[in-house]
Amino acid sequence: MNTPPTAAQDEVISRNVGYFTLILGFVVLTLSFLSSCNTTRGFGRDVQRVGHKIEATASGH
C-alpha cells in the first residue's frame, strides 16, 4: 500500500530538492567560470596591448 507522505516527509523532500538545485547551480556557475578563463585571458591581453600603445604614444615613441 502506498501511503501519502506526511508533512515532515514533504519538508525533507523539498529541502533535499532545494539543496540539489543549489549545488547544481554552483556546479554550473563554476564550470562556466572555468570555461571562460581563456576568453578572460584574451581580453586581458587586448587591454594590455592598448595600454602599451597609450604609453608609447604618451612618451612620444
N, C-alpha and C. Protein backbone atom coordinates (compact mmCIF):
# COMPACT_ATOMS: atom_id res chain seq x y z
N MET A 1 0.83 -1.19 0.00
CA MET A 1 0.00 0.00 0.00
C MET A 1 0.87 1.25 0.00
N ASN A 2 0.51 2.18 -0.80
CA ASN A 2 1.19 3.47 -0.81
C ASN A 2 0.45 4.43 0.10
N THR A 3 1.17 4.89 1.11
CA THR A 3 0.56 5.87 2.00
C THR A 3 1.03 7.26 1.58
N PRO A 4 0.17 8.24 1.69
CA PRO A 4 0.58 9.60 1.31
C PRO A 4 1.66 10.11 2.26
N PRO A 5 2.61 10.88 1.73
CA PRO A 5 3.69 11.40 2.59
C PRO A 5 3.14 12.37 3.63
N THR A 6 3.79 12.36 4.77
CA THR A 6 3.39 13.28 5.84
C THR A 6 4.00 14.65 5.58
N ALA A 7 3.60 15.62 6.39
CA ALA A 7 4.12 16.98 6.24
C ALA A 7 5.62 17.02 6.48
N ALA A 8 6.11 16.23 7.45
CA ALA A 8 7.55 16.20 7.73
C ALA A 8 8.32 15.62 6.56
N GLN A 9 7.76 14.56 5.93
CA GLN A 9 8.43 13.96 4.78
C GLN A 9 8.43 14.94 3.60
N ASP A 10 7.37 15.70 3.45
CA ASP A 10 7.32 16.71 2.39
C ASP A 10 8.39 17.77 2.59
N GLU A 11 8.59 18.17 3.85
CA GLU A 11 9.62 19.18 4.14
C GLU A 11 11.01 18.65 3.82
N VAL A 12 11.26 17.40 4.18
CA VAL A 12 12.57 16.80 3.91
C VAL A 12 12.80 16.70 2.41
N ILE A 13 11.79 16.27 1.69
CA ILE A 13 11.92 16.15 0.23
C ILE A 13 12.17 17.50 -0.40
N SER A 14 11.39 18.51 -0.01
CA SER A 14 11.58 19.83 -0.62
C SER A 14 12.92 20.45 -0.22
N ARG A 15 13.39 20.17 0.99
CA ARG A 15 14.71 20.66 1.41
C ARG A 15 15.80 20.00 0.57
N ASN A 16 15.67 18.69 0.35
CA ASN A 16 16.67 17.98 -0.45
C ASN A 16 16.67 18.47 -1.89
N VAL A 17 15.50 18.73 -2.43
CA VAL A 17 15.42 19.28 -3.79
C VAL A 17 16.06 20.66 -3.84
N GLY A 18 15.85 21.45 -2.80
CA GLY A 18 16.47 22.78 -2.74
C GLY A 18 17.98 22.70 -2.69
N TYR A 19 18.50 21.78 -1.86
CA TYR A 19 19.96 21.61 -1.78
C TYR A 19 20.52 21.14 -3.11
N PHE A 20 19.83 20.19 -3.73
CA PHE A 20 20.29 19.68 -5.02
C PHE A 20 20.32 20.81 -6.05
N THR A 21 19.28 21.63 -6.08
CA THR A 21 19.22 22.75 -7.02
C THR A 21 20.34 23.75 -6.76
N LEU A 22 20.61 24.03 -5.49
CA LEU A 22 21.68 24.96 -5.13
C LEU A 22 23.04 24.42 -5.56
N ILE A 23 23.29 23.16 -5.26
CA ILE A 23 24.58 22.56 -5.63
C ILE A 23 24.73 22.50 -7.14
N LEU A 24 23.66 22.13 -7.83
CA LEU A 24 23.72 22.09 -9.29
C LEU A 24 24.00 23.48 -9.86
N GLY A 25 23.40 24.50 -9.28
CA GLY A 25 23.67 25.87 -9.72
C GLY A 25 25.12 26.26 -9.52
N PHE A 26 25.70 25.89 -8.36
CA PHE A 26 27.10 26.19 -8.12
C PHE A 26 28.01 25.46 -9.09
N VAL A 27 27.68 24.21 -9.40
CA VAL A 27 28.49 23.45 -10.35
C VAL A 27 28.44 24.10 -11.73
N VAL A 28 27.26 24.48 -12.17
CA VAL A 28 27.12 25.12 -13.48
C VAL A 28 27.87 26.45 -13.50
N LEU A 29 27.75 27.23 -12.43
CA LEU A 29 28.44 28.51 -12.36
C LEU A 29 29.96 28.32 -12.38
N THR A 30 30.45 27.35 -11.62
CA THR A 30 31.88 27.07 -11.59
C THR A 30 32.39 26.64 -12.96
N LEU A 31 31.65 25.76 -13.62
CA LEU A 31 32.08 25.31 -14.95
C LEU A 31 32.06 26.46 -15.96
N SER A 32 31.11 27.35 -15.83
CA SER A 32 31.08 28.48 -16.77
C SER A 32 32.26 29.42 -16.53
N PHE A 33 32.63 29.62 -15.26
CA PHE A 33 33.81 30.45 -14.98
C PHE A 33 35.08 29.79 -15.50
N LEU A 34 35.20 28.49 -15.31
CA LEU A 34 36.40 27.79 -15.77
C LEU A 34 36.50 27.78 -17.28
N SER A 35 35.38 27.69 -17.96
CA SER A 35 35.43 27.67 -19.42
C SER A 35 35.69 29.06 -19.98
N SER A 36 35.41 30.10 -19.22
CA SER A 36 35.63 31.45 -19.73
C SER A 36 37.03 31.98 -19.41
N CYS A 37 37.86 31.19 -18.74
CA CYS A 37 39.21 31.65 -18.40
C CYS A 37 39.99 32.04 -19.64
N ASN A 38 39.88 31.24 -20.69
CA ASN A 38 40.60 31.53 -21.92
C ASN A 38 40.12 32.85 -22.51
N THR A 39 38.84 33.09 -22.50
CA THR A 39 38.28 34.34 -23.01
C THR A 39 38.76 35.52 -22.17
N THR A 40 38.75 35.36 -20.86
CA THR A 40 39.19 36.42 -19.97
C THR A 40 40.67 36.72 -20.18
N ARG A 41 41.46 35.68 -20.37
CA ARG A 41 42.89 35.88 -20.61
C ARG A 41 43.11 36.66 -21.90
N GLY A 42 42.36 36.33 -22.95
CA GLY A 42 42.48 37.05 -24.21
C GLY A 42 42.07 38.50 -24.07
N PHE A 43 41.01 38.75 -23.31
CA PHE A 43 40.58 40.13 -23.06
C PHE A 43 41.65 40.90 -22.30
N GLY A 44 42.28 40.25 -21.33
CA GLY A 44 43.36 40.90 -20.57
C GLY A 44 44.53 41.26 -21.46
N ARG A 45 44.86 40.38 -22.39
CA ARG A 45 45.96 40.68 -23.32
C ARG A 45 45.61 41.87 -24.21
N ASP A 46 44.37 41.91 -24.68
CA ASP A 46 43.94 43.04 -25.51
C ASP A 46 44.05 44.36 -24.76
N VAL A 47 43.60 44.37 -23.51
CA VAL A 47 43.68 45.58 -22.69
C VAL A 47 45.14 45.95 -22.46
N GLN A 48 45.99 44.96 -22.26
CA GLN A 48 47.41 45.23 -22.05
C GLN A 48 48.04 45.86 -23.30
N ARG A 49 47.69 45.36 -24.48
CA ARG A 49 48.22 45.93 -25.72
C ARG A 49 47.79 47.39 -25.89
N VAL A 50 46.53 47.65 -25.58
CA VAL A 50 46.04 49.03 -25.68
C VAL A 50 46.81 49.92 -24.70
N GLY A 51 47.06 49.42 -23.49
CA GLY A 51 47.83 50.18 -22.50
C GLY A 51 49.23 50.48 -22.99
N HIS A 52 49.88 49.50 -23.64
CA HIS A 52 51.22 49.72 -24.16
C HIS A 52 51.22 50.78 -25.28
N LYS A 53 50.19 50.74 -26.13
CA LYS A 53 50.10 51.72 -27.20
C LYS A 53 49.87 53.12 -26.63
N ILE A 54 49.08 53.24 -25.60
CA ILE A 54 48.83 54.53 -24.98
C ILE A 54 50.13 55.06 -24.35
N GLU A 55 50.88 54.17 -23.68
CA GLU A 55 52.14 54.58 -23.08
C GLU A 55 53.15 55.02 -24.13
N ALA A 56 53.20 54.26 -25.25
CA ALA A 56 54.14 54.62 -26.31
C ALA A 56 53.78 55.97 -26.93
N THR A 57 52.50 56.21 -27.12
CA THR A 57 52.07 57.48 -27.68
C THR A 57 52.36 58.63 -26.72
N ALA A 58 52.13 58.40 -25.44
CA ALA A 58 52.36 59.45 -24.43
C ALA A 58 53.84 59.77 -24.31
N SER A 59 54.70 58.77 -24.46
CA SER A 59 56.14 59.03 -24.31
C SER A 59 56.77 59.52 -25.62
N GLY A 60 56.01 59.52 -26.70
CA GLY A 60 56.49 60.07 -27.96
C GLY A 60 57.30 59.09 -28.79
N HIS A 61 57.17 57.81 -28.56
CA HIS A 61 57.91 56.82 -29.35
C HIS A 61 57.06 56.26 -30.41
